[in-house]
Amino acid sequence: MKLPAINISGMPADVTHNRIKNAIIDVLDGDLWTSKVSVAGNSILILAIFLSTAEYLISNSTYMSEFSTFSFIIKWSAGLLFVVEVLLRLYYARFLGYGQNVLAPFFYAFSFIGIIDILTIIPFIFDIADIRFPESVAAVRILRLWRIVRYIPAFQSISEAFQSKKEEIFVTLLAVVLLSLSLSAVMFHYEQAAGSNAFRSILEVFVWSIGKYTGDYGSIAQASPVSLMGKFIATANGLLGIALFAIPAGLLASAFIDQLAERRKLEDIGKRKEKIEELFRDSSGGGKHFKYRAHWRNLSMDTLQSKLLLSEDEIFETIRLAESLRFRAMKSGPTALYNDTRIIEWSDVNTSYGYRSINKLSRLFLVNPCGESERCISHFSYSVSQSMEISYFSRELPLFHLKEKVGSNTSVFYDQYIHHKVPVRSIGLWNFLQDVTQAKLGDIVIILSSAASGRKDFVLEYEDKDSPEISNSFSDQHRLAKVRQIVHEAASDTFYRSATEKDIRRSFSIEENTIGLMKANSLLKTVREKTKADILALHINIQILTGDDDTYYSALTSVCNMIHGIKSLYNH
């Protein structure tokens, strides 16, 4: 698979438009091998880790004189590299998974890997500042080798295993320690009563019992109990000392095995997801005569099973974990009384809210605010954007703010965004609103949604339906008139040659300003207030979106013709 130059999918909008930030975050984030920049940057860091570790080992041996030049070069080059890396990780911590607020650098600094990163640069900083330090401090340089855990997925599995069993491990340790301390207290008093001075405190008995029955490698268990009861308790306490390590180790080992099995399962699901996505990407919707670009609208369960030899359970398991795949139950035709067809839709996902594609040469922006909730609108809008090569923003994932789901065309959070009341921690919502408000005066933003079955084929919104004599969404009324003319002409006469070689000429009905989407909490009003760009909403009847291929691709042809005309108007 060919790697992209940079991959920072899901990052905030204010980052993704800066190439230098893109490259830095791509190297530092958790997706280590997903782009050329990430592979190159992390390869340099890994090489520096091994070379600096080798330099430390050699510098503390009798061979030091033979490698003094090598040691000096590696020590300073690797040291500078690691200091710069840690500073960048602190600066970009909120983009690296450590939270979205000002405390993100602290969360990184006090994480396991953050502590290792910071400890390993302390000796180098002392060297730069010419501060003398004990050799024990210099020894922390060996911890640089632990930085390699970032690049070994199995270490992540150990951390996840501990997290999954931390309550059981804590309860076990607490129970063993409490019982062992209790027995140590009883043993201490029996030994005191027997006249033994081998143990000076209960804690000493506790430490002795652990050391005695775990090998006494630290030579801390030289004494022996003299009373019969003391010997009996010491035996029981020793067994508890073994349990102190054995039981948590067993729990951790079991959880680690479960984590590895789960990781292998996720890898299998990832491979199935790639196969399904490739099937969509490599397809051509609308037939060979369709003059625009489109992949298949959807795939039935039977088609997926026959083409990829997947079981139904495997398909559902993949859909549940794949953000880009959606399962829909639909009617096979307008006469069907209930949903009798099961289909799978695919939509590309490359950011925290769905899909983003930017064309800086176009002054037309297309927005799909309801891709995750409405049938077929994602394929329709994506096909338009790819065919017309325009900037495109599509909500393909559910967005939540303060645990409340954010609406599609209307939401109280849109109005709050205008008044700067949406916190940065709602990163998906924040990114979506930042992206759809990139336009400026002189551009046009078209919001493409579905319309109820009782509406006309297309619904055009550009004014407040309660005050139709006033256009609030266009700065130039003459340009609005031209846009309306383009839309009506494209809808009145559409030609499409179907996949079955049938010539279809169709006229689509249009109604205007009957929904009213210029209210305070609407997406249209939000974009207009923030950008001063011209705003137009185009709604496609759901009967068309879920209808037969001839109707669907005829409508898609009509809308592409509209967008082509509007694009030409604004680009010139």
Protein backbone atom coordinates (compact mmCIF):
# COMPACT_ATOMS: atom_id res chain seq x y z
CA MET A 1 0.00 0.00 0.00
CA LYS A 2 1.42 3.41 -0.98
CA LEU A 3 1.92 5.69 2.03
CA PRO A 4 0.78 9.34 1.90
CA ALA A 5 3.38 12.05 2.50
CA ILE A 6 1.65 13.16 5.73
CA ASN A 7 -1.21 11.65 7.68
CA ILE A 8 -2.79 13.56 10.59
CA SER A 9 -6.41 12.51 10.23
CA GLY A 10 -8.62 13.70 13.05
CA MET A 11 -6.44 16.63 14.02
CA PRO A 12 -7.98 20.05 14.82
CA ALA A 13 -8.64 22.33 11.88
CA ASP A 14 -6.24 25.04 13.09
CA VAL A 15 -3.39 22.54 12.79
CA THR A 16 -4.11 20.88 9.49
CA HIS A 17 -3.50 24.03 7.44
CA ASN A 18 0.10 24.45 8.63
CA ARG A 19 2.59 22.15 6.90
CA ILE A 20 5.29 22.40 9.56
CA LYS A 21 2.83 21.55 12.33
CA ASN A 22 1.46 18.76 10.18
CA ALA A 23 4.89 17.16 9.84
CA ILE A 24 5.79 17.53 13.53
CA ILE A 25 2.52 16.10 14.80
CA ASP A 26 2.64 13.29 12.24
CA VAL A 27 6.02 12.19 13.62
CA LEU A 28 5.04 12.54 17.28
CA ASP A 29 1.51 11.12 17.27
CA GLY A 30 0.60 7.50 17.91
CA ASP A 31 0.25 6.56 14.23
CA LEU A 32 3.90 5.78 13.69
CA TRP A 33 4.01 4.14 10.29
CA THR A 34 1.11 5.68 8.37
CA SER A 35 2.99 8.21 6.23
CA LYS A 36 6.37 8.86 4.66
CA VAL A 37 7.16 11.72 7.04
CA SER A 38 6.25 9.59 10.06
CA VAL A 39 8.37 6.66 8.89
CA ALA A 40 11.40 8.90 8.25
CA GLY A 41 11.09 10.86 11.51
CA ASN A 42 10.52 7.84 13.74
CA SER A 43 13.33 5.90 12.05
CA ILE A 44 15.72 8.72 13.02
CA LEU A 45 14.44 8.66 16.60
CA ILE A 46 14.81 4.88 16.87
CA LEU A 47 18.35 5.03 15.49
CA ALA A 48 19.19 7.78 18.02
CA ILE A 49 17.79 5.65 20.86
CA PHE A 50 20.00 2.67 20.00
CA LEU A 51 23.12 4.75 19.29
CA SER A 52 22.80 6.76 22.50
CA THR A 53 22.29 3.56 24.50
CA ALA A 54 25.36 2.00 22.87
CA GLU A 55 27.35 5.18 23.62
CA TYR A 56 26.34 5.01 27.30
CA LEU A 57 27.35 1.36 27.58
CA ILE A 58 30.69 1.93 25.83
CA SER A 59 31.47 5.10 27.81
CA ASN A 60 31.19 3.08 31.01
CA SER A 61 33.64 0.39 29.96
CA THR A 62 37.41 -0.09 29.48
CA TYR A 63 37.00 0.52 25.74
CA MET A 64 36.12 4.17 26.22
CA SER A 65 39.45 5.53 24.92
CA GLU A 66 38.99 3.81 21.56
CA PHE A 67 35.57 5.41 20.96
CA SER A 68 35.96 8.87 22.49
CA THR A 69 35.13 10.71 19.24
CA PHE A 70 32.14 8.45 18.57
CA SER A 71 30.94 8.96 22.14
CA PHE A 72 31.18 12.76 21.93
CA ILE A 73 29.27 13.00 18.62
CA ILE A 74 26.50 10.61 19.66
CA LYS A 75 26.16 12.07 23.14
CA TRP A 76 25.60 15.62 21.92
CA SER A 77 23.63 14.93 18.74
CA ALA A 78 21.27 12.42 20.40
CA GLY A 79 20.99 14.61 23.49
CA LEU A 80 19.97 17.66 21.48
CA LEU A 81 17.53 15.60 19.44
CA PHE A 82 15.83 14.19 22.55
CA VAL A 83 15.61 17.62 24.23
CA VAL A 84 13.96 19.10 21.14
CA GLU A 85 11.61 16.10 20.91
CA VAL A 86 10.50 16.42 24.55
CA LEU A 87 9.91 20.16 24.17
CA LEU A 88 7.82 19.55 21.05
CA ARG A 89 5.84 16.80 22.82
CA LEU A 90 5.10 19.22 25.66
CA TYR A 91 4.08 21.97 23.23
CA TYR A 92 1.85 19.74 21.08
CA ALA A 93 0.59 17.52 23.93
CA ARG A 94 -3.05 18.41 23.29
CA PHE A 95 -2.74 17.02 19.76
CA LEU A 96 -1.04 13.80 20.91
CA GLY A 97 -3.84 12.28 22.99
CA TYR A 98 -3.19 13.94 26.37
CA GLY A 99 -6.37 16.02 26.54
CA GLN A 100 -7.61 19.16 24.82
CA ASN A 101 -6.91 21.80 27.49
CA VAL A 102 -3.97 23.66 29.01
CA LEU A 103 -3.22 20.72 31.34
CA ALA A 104 -2.27 18.44 28.44
CA PRO A 105 1.51 19.08 28.88
CA PHE A 106 1.24 18.06 32.54
CA PHE A 107 -0.65 14.87 31.65
CA TYR A 108 2.14 14.01 29.21
CA ALA A 109 4.91 14.91 31.68
CA PHE A 110 3.47 12.63 34.36
CA SER A 111 2.58 9.72 32.09
CA PHE A 112 4.81 6.63 32.16
CA ILE A 113 6.51 7.37 28.85
CA GLY A 114 6.64 11.11 29.63
CA ILE A 115 8.52 10.49 32.87
CA ILE A 116 11.03 8.33 31.00
CA ASP A 117 11.46 10.99 28.29
CA ILE A 118 12.14 13.73 30.83
CA LEU A 119 14.41 11.68 33.09
CA THR A 120 16.64 10.66 30.19
CA ILE A 121 17.39 14.26 29.17
CA ILE A 122 18.23 15.48 32.69
CA PRO A 123 21.94 14.39 32.56
CA PHE A 124 22.36 16.11 29.19
CA ILE A 125 20.79 19.32 30.50
CA PHE A 126 23.15 19.17 33.52
CA ASP A 127 26.09 18.79 31.11
CA ILE A 128 24.98 21.84 29.11
CA ALA A 129 24.58 23.89 32.32
CA ASP A 130 27.95 22.57 33.61
CA ILE A 131 26.32 21.26 36.76
CA ARG A 132 28.12 18.44 38.58
CA PHE A 133 25.88 15.54 39.44
CA PRO A 134 26.37 12.12 41.07
CA GLU A 135 26.95 9.07 38.91
CA SER A 136 23.59 7.68 40.05
CA VAL A 137 21.89 10.50 38.14
CA ALA A 138 23.90 9.70 35.02
CA ALA A 139 22.59 6.15 35.25
CA VAL A 140 19.12 7.31 34.18
CA ARG A 141 20.51 7.62 30.64
CA ILE A 142 20.04 3.86 30.31
CA LEU A 143 16.28 4.58 30.48
CA ARG A 144 16.56 5.91 26.93
CA LEU A 145 16.26 2.32 25.80
CA TRP A 146 12.76 2.29 27.33
CA ARG A 147 11.70 4.94 24.84
CA ILE A 148 11.54 2.11 22.32
CA VAL A 149 8.28 0.92 23.92
CA ARG A 150 6.47 3.52 21.77
CA TYR A 151 7.29 1.43 18.72
CA ILE A 152 6.40 -2.01 20.11
CA PRO A 153 2.64 -2.69 20.19
CA ALA A 154 3.08 -5.53 22.70
CA PHE A 155 4.11 -3.03 25.39
CA GLN A 156 0.85 -1.21 24.83
CA SER A 157 -0.89 -4.54 25.37
CA ILE A 158 0.80 -4.87 28.76
CA SER A 159 -0.47 -1.44 29.76
CA GLU A 160 -3.96 -2.27 28.53
CA ALA A 161 -3.82 -5.63 30.34
CA PHE A 162 -2.97 -3.90 33.62
CA GLN A 163 -5.78 -1.37 33.10
CA SER A 164 -8.29 -4.16 32.49
CA LYS A 165 -7.30 -6.02 35.68
CA LYS A 166 -6.23 -3.15 37.93
CA GLU A 167 -9.21 -3.50 40.28
CA GLU A 168 -8.69 -7.25 40.75
CA ILE A 169 -4.94 -6.76 41.23
CA PHE A 170 -5.50 -3.95 43.75
CA VAL A 171 -8.05 -5.95 45.77
CA THR A 172 -5.76 -9.02 45.78
CA LEU A 173 -2.71 -7.05 46.85
CA LEU A 174 -4.68 -5.24 49.54
CA ALA A 175 -6.12 -8.50 50.93
CA VAL A 176 -2.72 -10.23 50.97
CA VAL A 177 -0.95 -7.24 52.57
CA LEU A 178 -3.61 -6.82 55.26
CA LEU A 179 -3.58 -10.52 56.12
CA SER A 180 0.19 -10.68 56.09
CA LEU A 181 0.47 -7.60 58.32
CA SER A 182 -2.02 -9.14 60.74
CA LEU A 183 -0.02 -12.38 60.94
CA SER A 184 3.21 -10.41 61.27
CA ALA A 185 1.76 -8.60 64.30
CA VAL A 186 0.74 -11.90 65.94
CA MET A 187 4.14 -13.46 65.18
CA PHE A 188 6.00 -10.44 66.58
CA HIS A 189 4.20 -10.64 69.92
CA TYR A 190 4.74 -14.42 70.18
CA GLU A 191 8.45 -13.92 69.51
CA GLN A 192 8.63 -11.15 72.11
CA ALA A 193 6.89 -13.40 74.63
CA ALA A 194 9.40 -16.18 73.89
CA GLY A 195 12.26 -13.78 74.69
CA SER A 196 13.55 -13.44 71.11
CA ASN A 197 15.15 -10.15 70.06
CA ALA A 198 15.50 -11.14 66.39
CA PHE A 199 12.66 -8.83 65.31
CA ARG A 200 12.49 -5.24 66.46
CA SER A 201 9.12 -4.30 64.94
CA ILE A 202 6.04 -5.67 63.19
CA LEU A 203 7.14 -4.13 59.91
CA GLU A 204 10.47 -5.92 60.20
CA VAL A 205 8.59 -9.21 60.59
CA PHE A 206 6.51 -8.36 57.53
CA VAL A 207 9.55 -7.58 55.39
CA TRP A 208 11.37 -10.65 56.76
CA SER A 209 8.50 -12.98 55.84
CA ILE A 210 8.38 -11.71 52.27
CA GLY A 211 12.15 -12.00 51.84
CA LYS A 212 12.44 -15.43 53.47
CA TYR A 213 10.01 -17.14 51.15
CA THR A 214 10.94 -15.40 47.91
CA GLY A 215 14.62 -16.38 47.82
CA ASP A 216 16.06 -13.72 50.16
CA TYR A 217 18.17 -12.31 47.36
CA GLY A 218 18.61 -9.08 49.30
CA SER A 219 19.84 -10.87 52.48
CA ILE A 220 17.09 -9.35 54.61
CA ALA A 221 15.86 -12.58 56.22
CA GLN A 222 18.80 -13.80 58.28
CA ALA A 223 16.89 -14.12 61.56
CA SER A 224 14.73 -17.11 62.51
CA PRO A 225 11.68 -17.42 64.80
CA VAL A 226 12.23 -19.36 68.04
CA SER A 227 8.68 -20.04 69.23
CA LEU A 228 6.59 -22.88 67.81
CA MET A 229 3.70 -20.54 67.02
CA GLY A 230 6.15 -18.07 65.46
CA LYS A 231 7.47 -20.78 63.13
CA PHE A 232 3.94 -21.80 62.15
CA ILE A 233 2.89 -18.20 61.47
CA ALA A 234 6.12 -17.56 59.58
CA THR A 235 5.30 -20.47 57.27
CA ALA A 236 1.79 -19.15 56.61
CA ASN A 237 3.12 -15.63 56.17
CA GLY A 238 5.73 -16.87 53.74
CA LEU A 239 3.05 -18.49 51.60
CA LEU A 240 1.23 -15.17 51.61
CA GLY A 241 4.46 -13.50 50.54
CA ILE A 242 4.59 -15.79 47.53
CA ALA A 243 0.92 -15.03 46.79
CA LEU A 244 1.75 -11.33 46.98
CA PHE A 245 3.60 -11.73 43.68
CA ALA A 246 2.09 -14.87 42.18
CA ILE A 247 -1.60 -13.91 42.14
CA PRO A 248 -1.18 -10.46 40.51
CA ALA A 249 1.30 -11.97 38.06
CA GLY A 250 -1.24 -14.63 37.11
CA LEU A 251 -3.99 -12.06 36.64
CA LEU A 252 -1.69 -9.87 34.55
CA ALA A 253 -0.56 -12.81 32.41
CA SER A 254 -4.17 -13.84 31.76
CA ALA A 255 -5.14 -10.28 30.84
CA PHE A 256 -2.07 -9.96 28.59
CA ILE A 257 -3.05 -13.10 26.67
CA ASP A 258 -6.59 -11.72 26.30
CA GLN A 259 -5.18 -8.41 25.02
CA LEU A 260 -3.01 -10.16 22.43
CA ALA A 261 -6.01 -12.19 21.27
CA GLU A 262 -8.10 -9.02 21.05
CA ARG A 263 -5.32 -7.27 19.11
CA ARG A 264 -5.16 -10.15 16.60
CA LYS A 265 -8.94 -10.00 16.31
CA LEU A 266 -8.82 -6.25 15.60
CA GLU A 267 -6.11 -6.82 12.99
CA ASP A 268 -8.35 -9.35 11.24
CA ILE A 269 -11.26 -6.91 11.36
CA GLY A 270 -8.99 -4.18 9.95
CA LYS A 271 -8.04 -6.41 7.03
CA ARG A 272 -11.70 -7.17 6.31
CA LYS A 273 -12.51 -3.45 6.48
CA GLU A 274 -9.77 -2.69 3.93
CA LYS A 275 -11.12 -5.33 1.57
CA ILE A 276 -14.66 -3.91 1.79
CA GLU A 277 -13.40 -0.35 1.25
CA GLU A 278 -11.29 -1.44 -1.74
CA LEU A 279 -14.40 -3.03 -3.22
CA PHE A 280 -16.15 0.34 -3.03
CA ARG A 281 -13.17 2.40 -4.20
CA ASP A 282 -12.49 0.21 -7.22
CA SER A 283 -16.12 0.26 -8.34
CA SER A 284 -17.79 2.60 -10.82
CA GLY A 285 -21.35 3.66 -10.11
CA GLY A 286 -23.88 4.90 -12.63
CA GLY A 287 -22.65 2.82 -15.53
CA LYS A 288 -19.95 3.46 -18.12
CA HIS A 289 -21.89 6.34 -19.71
CA PHE A 290 -22.25 8.30 -16.47
CA LYS A 291 -20.17 11.41 -17.19
CA TYR A 292 -19.32 12.17 -13.57
CA ARG A 293 -17.34 10.23 -10.93
CA ALA A 294 -19.04 7.84 -8.53
CA HIS A 295 -18.43 4.52 -6.82
CA TRP A 296 -21.20 2.05 -5.97
CA ARG A 297 -24.00 3.52 -3.89
CA ASN A 298 -24.08 0.54 -1.55
CA LEU A 299 -23.51 -3.21 -1.36
CA SER A 300 -25.99 -5.84 -0.25
CA MET A 301 -25.06 -8.43 2.36
CA ASP A 302 -25.28 -11.15 -0.29
CA THR A 303 -22.88 -9.27 -2.58
CA LEU A 304 -20.30 -8.87 0.17
CA GLN A 305 -20.55 -12.51 1.16
CA SER A 306 -20.16 -13.75 -2.40
CA LYS A 307 -17.34 -11.41 -3.43
CA LEU A 308 -15.23 -11.55 -0.26
CA LEU A 309 -16.32 -14.94 1.13
CA LEU A 310 -17.17 -13.42 4.50
CA SER A 311 -19.75 -14.75 6.91
CA GLU A 312 -22.62 -12.59 8.09
CA ASP A 313 -21.13 -12.44 11.60
CA GLU A 314 -17.78 -11.27 10.20
CA ILE A 315 -19.48 -8.52 8.21
CA PHE A 316 -21.47 -7.24 11.18
CA GLU A 317 -18.40 -7.42 13.43
CA THR A 318 -16.49 -5.30 10.91
CA ILE A 319 -19.29 -2.75 10.53
CA ARG A 320 -19.58 -2.30 14.30
CA LEU A 321 -15.93 -1.26 14.60
CA ALA A 322 -15.46 0.59 11.28
CA GLU A 323 -16.41 4.27 11.33
CA SER A 324 -16.50 4.34 7.52
CA LEU A 325 -19.09 1.55 7.13
CA ARG A 326 -22.80 1.74 7.93
CA PHE A 327 -25.54 -0.86 7.92
CA ARG A 328 -28.94 0.21 6.61
CA ALA A 329 -32.27 -1.56 6.36
CA MET A 330 -34.26 -0.22 3.39
CA LYS A 331 -37.29 -0.95 1.26
CA SER A 332 -36.59 -2.68 -2.04
CA GLY A 333 -39.08 -0.42 -3.84
CA PRO A 334 -41.81 2.20 -3.30
CA THR A 335 -44.49 -0.48 -3.06
CA ALA A 336 -42.74 -2.43 -0.28
CA LEU A 337 -44.54 -2.21 3.07
CA TYR A 338 -41.47 -2.76 5.24
CA ASN A 339 -37.69 -2.73 5.10
CA ASP A 340 -36.81 -5.89 3.25
CA THR A 341 -33.29 -5.10 1.98
CA ARG A 342 -30.07 -4.99 3.98
CA ILE A 343 -27.30 -2.84 2.57
CA ILE A 344 -23.88 -1.51 3.58
CA GLU A 345 -22.83 2.06 2.81
CA TRP A 346 -19.27 3.32 2.71
CA SER A 347 -18.05 6.87 3.29
CA ASP A 348 -14.45 7.94 3.48
CA VAL A 349 -13.41 9.12 6.96
CA ASN A 350 -10.25 11.17 7.50
CA THR A 351 -11.01 13.58 10.33
CA SER A 352 -12.65 13.75 13.75
CA TYR A 353 -16.14 14.42 12.35
CA GLY A 354 -16.00 12.56 9.04
CA TYR A 355 -14.46 13.58 5.75
CA ARG A 356 -12.63 16.71 4.63
CA SER A 357 -11.27 17.57 1.17
CA ILE A 358 -9.97 21.05 0.36
CA ASN A 359 -9.44 22.60 -3.07
CA LYS A 360 -7.84 26.02 -2.61
CA LEU A 361 -8.50 26.94 -6.24
CA SER A 362 -12.27 26.71 -5.90
CA ARG A 363 -14.51 29.31 -4.29
CA LEU A 364 -17.34 26.80 -3.86
CA PHE A 365 -17.69 24.80 -0.63
CA LEU A 366 -20.01 21.80 -0.31
CA VAL A 367 -21.19 20.70 3.15
CA ASN A 368 -23.02 17.49 4.04
CA PRO A 369 -24.20 17.92 7.66
CA CYS A 370 -26.24 14.71 8.01
CA GLY A 371 -24.19 11.90 6.44
CA GLU A 372 -24.17 9.78 9.58
CA SER A 373 -27.93 9.88 10.00
CA GLU A 374 -29.48 10.05 6.52
CA ARG A 375 -29.52 7.29 3.94
CA CYS A 376 -27.53 7.68 0.72
CA ILE A 377 -26.77 11.40 1.14
CA SER A 378 -23.08 10.68 1.79
CA HIS A 379 -22.60 8.91 -1.53
CA PHE A 380 -24.56 11.61 -3.33
CA SER A 381 -22.62 14.55 -1.87
CA TYR A 382 -19.24 12.77 -2.09
CA SER A 383 -19.84 12.00 -5.78
CA VAL A 384 -20.68 15.66 -6.43
CA SER A 385 -17.56 16.89 -4.65
CA GLN A 386 -15.24 14.44 -6.39
CA SER A 387 -16.74 15.16 -9.80
CA MET A 388 -16.62 18.94 -9.39
CA GLU A 389 -13.26 19.05 -7.53
CA ILE A 390 -14.48 21.47 -4.87
CA SER A 391 -13.87 21.81 -1.14
CA TYR A 392 -16.05 19.33 0.71
CA PHE A 393 -16.89 18.73 4.38
CA SER A 394 -19.08 15.81 5.40
CA ARG A 395 -20.31 14.80 8.85
CA GLU A 396 -19.99 11.02 8.87
CA LEU A 397 -19.69 10.47 12.63
CA PRO A 398 -22.13 11.33 15.42
CA LEU A 399 -21.06 14.49 17.27
CA PHE A 400 -21.70 15.02 20.97
CA HIS A 401 -21.28 18.10 23.14
CA LEU A 402 -21.56 17.73 26.91
CA LYS A 403 -23.06 14.23 26.28
CA GLU A 404 -25.83 15.73 24.13
CA LYS A 405 -25.99 14.79 20.46
CA VAL A 406 -25.52 17.67 18.03
CA GLY A 407 -28.18 18.05 15.32
CA SER A 408 -27.46 18.16 11.60
CA ASN A 409 -29.03 21.23 9.93
CA THR A 410 -30.10 22.83 13.21
CA SER A 411 -28.60 22.75 16.70
CA VAL A 412 -28.40 25.08 19.69
CA PHE A 413 -24.62 24.55 19.59
CA TYR A 414 -24.41 26.26 16.21
CA ASP A 415 -25.80 29.44 17.74
CA GLN A 416 -23.45 29.02 20.72
CA TYR A 417 -20.51 28.75 18.33
CA ILE A 418 -21.31 32.18 16.89
CA HIS A 419 -21.17 33.59 20.42
CA HIS A 420 -17.97 31.65 21.30
CA LYS A 421 -19.61 29.27 23.76
CA VAL A 422 -18.42 25.93 22.32
CA PRO A 423 -15.44 24.64 24.38
CA VAL A 424 -12.38 23.29 22.59
CA ARG A 425 -12.80 19.88 24.27
CA SER A 426 -15.70 19.09 21.87
CA ILE A 427 -13.05 18.44 19.26
CA GLY A 428 -15.27 16.82 16.60
CA LEU A 429 -17.85 19.62 16.73
CA TRP A 430 -15.13 22.27 16.93
CA ASN A 431 -13.32 20.88 13.86
CA PHE A 432 -16.54 20.64 11.87
CA LEU A 433 -17.55 24.22 12.62
CA GLN A 434 -14.03 25.51 12.00
CA ASP A 435 -13.95 23.78 8.61
CA VAL A 436 -17.37 24.79 7.34
CA THR A 437 -16.64 28.41 8.22
CA GLN A 438 -13.45 28.64 6.14
CA ALA A 439 -15.21 30.47 3.31
CA LYS A 440 -15.07 34.23 2.99
CA LEU A 441 -16.93 37.08 1.33
CA GLY A 442 -17.26 36.32 -2.39
CA ASP A 443 -17.38 32.52 -1.91
CA ILE A 444 -20.46 30.31 -1.86
CA VAL A 445 -21.27 27.50 0.56
CA ILE A 446 -23.84 24.91 -0.52
CA ILE A 447 -25.33 22.74 2.21
CA LEU A 448 -26.61 19.48 0.74
CA SER A 449 -29.17 17.50 2.72
CA SER A 450 -32.12 15.18 2.24
CA ALA A 451 -35.77 16.27 2.20
CA ALA A 452 -38.90 14.47 3.34
CA SER A 453 -40.77 12.32 0.84
CA GLY A 454 -43.71 14.76 0.79
CA ARG A 455 -41.55 17.52 -0.70
CA LYS A 456 -40.74 18.24 -4.33
CA ASP A 457 -37.72 16.59 -5.93
CA PHE A 458 -35.41 19.45 -4.94
CA VAL A 459 -35.91 22.05 -2.21
CA LEU A 460 -33.91 25.27 -2.52
CA GLU A 461 -33.36 27.41 0.59
CA TYR A 462 -31.75 30.84 0.59
CA GLU A 463 -34.21 33.05 2.50
CA ASP A 464 -36.31 32.99 5.64
CA LYS A 465 -39.67 31.49 4.70
CA ASP A 466 -41.40 33.90 7.10
CA SER A 467 -39.89 36.89 5.27
CA PRO A 468 -39.43 35.72 1.65
CA GLU A 469 -39.06 39.25 0.36
CA ILE A 470 -35.68 39.59 2.13
CA SER A 471 -32.69 37.45 1.18
CA ASN A 472 -30.41 37.08 4.18
CA SER A 473 -28.02 34.53 2.72
CA PHE A 474 -26.66 36.37 -0.37
CA SER A 475 -24.71 39.62 -0.50
CA ASP A 476 -25.42 40.18 -4.19
CA GLN A 477 -29.07 39.78 -5.22
CA HIS A 478 -28.11 39.80 -8.91
CA ARG A 479 -25.81 36.85 -8.31
CA LEU A 480 -28.59 35.07 -6.40
CA ALA A 481 -30.84 35.46 -9.44
CA LYS A 482 -28.16 33.85 -11.63
CA VAL A 483 -27.74 30.97 -9.18
CA ARG A 484 -31.48 30.34 -9.16
CA GLN A 485 -31.51 30.41 -12.96
CA ILE A 486 -28.69 27.85 -13.11
CA VAL A 487 -30.48 25.55 -10.66
CA HIS A 488 -33.83 25.71 -12.46
CA GLU A 489 -32.30 25.19 -15.91
CA ALA A 490 -30.30 22.17 -14.75
CA ALA A 491 -33.34 20.63 -13.03
CA SER A 492 -35.73 21.23 -15.94
CA ASP A 493 -33.78 19.22 -18.50
CA THR A 494 -31.46 16.38 -17.42
CA PHE A 495 -30.08 13.70 -19.71
CA TYR A 496 -28.60 10.45 -18.41
CA ARG A 497 -27.74 7.26 -20.24
CA SER A 498 -28.18 4.40 -17.81
CA ALA A 499 -26.06 1.32 -17.21
CA THR A 500 -28.65 -0.63 -19.21
CA GLU A 501 -28.04 1.62 -22.27
CA LYS A 502 -31.36 3.41 -21.78
CA ASP A 503 -31.55 7.12 -22.60
CA ILE A 504 -33.33 9.01 -19.84
CA ARG A 505 -34.40 12.64 -20.13
CA ARG A 506 -36.05 13.99 -17.04
CA SER A 507 -37.28 17.18 -15.44
CA PHE A 508 -37.10 17.55 -11.64
CA SER A 509 -39.54 19.68 -9.67
CA ILE A 510 -38.28 22.46 -7.38
CA GLU A 511 -39.77 24.32 -4.43
CA GLU A 512 -38.09 27.27 -2.73
CA ASN A 513 -37.89 28.57 0.84
CA THR A 514 -40.48 26.24 2.35
CA ILE A 515 -38.42 24.77 5.20
CA GLY A 516 -36.93 27.90 6.76
CA LEU A 517 -33.34 27.31 7.72
CA MET A 518 -32.17 30.84 8.46
CA LYS A 519 -33.09 30.70 12.15
CA ALA A 520 -30.58 31.53 14.90
CA ASN A 521 -29.66 27.89 15.58
CA SER A 522 -29.32 26.78 11.95
CA LEU A 523 -26.11 25.77 10.24
CA LEU A 524 -26.94 28.13 7.35
CA LYS A 525 -27.20 31.11 9.69
CA THR A 526 -24.01 30.09 11.50
CA VAL A 527 -21.96 29.86 8.30
CA ARG A 528 -23.40 33.12 6.99
CA GLU A 529 -22.69 35.00 10.24
CA LYS A 530 -19.11 33.70 10.52
CA THR A 531 -18.02 33.98 6.87
CA LYS A 532 -20.26 36.53 5.09
CA ALA A 533 -20.12 34.09 2.15
CA ASP A 534 -23.22 33.36 0.07
CA ILE A 535 -25.18 30.45 1.54
CA LEU A 536 -27.47 28.05 -0.29
CA ALA A 537 -29.19 24.91 0.98
CA LEU A 538 -30.20 22.20 -1.49
CA HIS A 539 -32.35 19.32 -0.26
CA ILE A 540 -32.80 16.11 -2.28
CA ASN A 541 -36.03 14.19 -1.82
CA ILE A 542 -35.43 11.00 0.16
CA GLN A 543 -37.46 9.07 -2.42
CA ILE A 544 -34.83 9.97 -5.00
CA LEU A 545 -31.90 9.15 -2.69
CA THR A 546 -33.30 5.71 -1.90
CA GLY A 547 -34.91 5.11 -5.28
CA ASP A 548 -33.83 3.07 -8.29
CA ASP A 549 -30.49 3.70 -10.02
CA ASP A 550 -32.00 5.47 -13.02
CA THR A 551 -33.76 8.04 -10.85
CA TYR A 552 -30.83 8.41 -8.49
CA TYR A 553 -28.14 8.95 -11.14
CA SER A 554 -30.40 11.23 -13.14
CA ALA A 555 -30.76 13.43 -10.06
CA LEU A 556 -27.01 13.20 -9.42
CA THR A 557 -26.38 14.32 -13.00
CA SER A 558 -28.77 17.23 -12.52
CA VAL A 559 -27.10 18.40 -9.29
CA CYS A 560 -23.61 18.05 -10.79
CA ASN A 561 -24.77 20.23 -13.69
CA MET A 562 -26.03 22.80 -11.16
CA ILE A 563 -22.75 22.78 -9.22
CA HIS A 564 -20.75 23.05 -12.42
CA GLY A 565 -22.68 26.17 -13.44
CA ILE A 566 -22.44 27.75 -9.98
CA LYS A 567 -18.73 26.94 -9.77
CA SER A 568 -18.10 28.63 -13.11
CA LEU A 569 -20.08 31.67 -11.98
CA TYR A 570 -18.08 32.14 -8.76
CA ASN A 571 -14.65 31.23 -10.12
CA HIS A 572 -14.99 33.84 -12.82
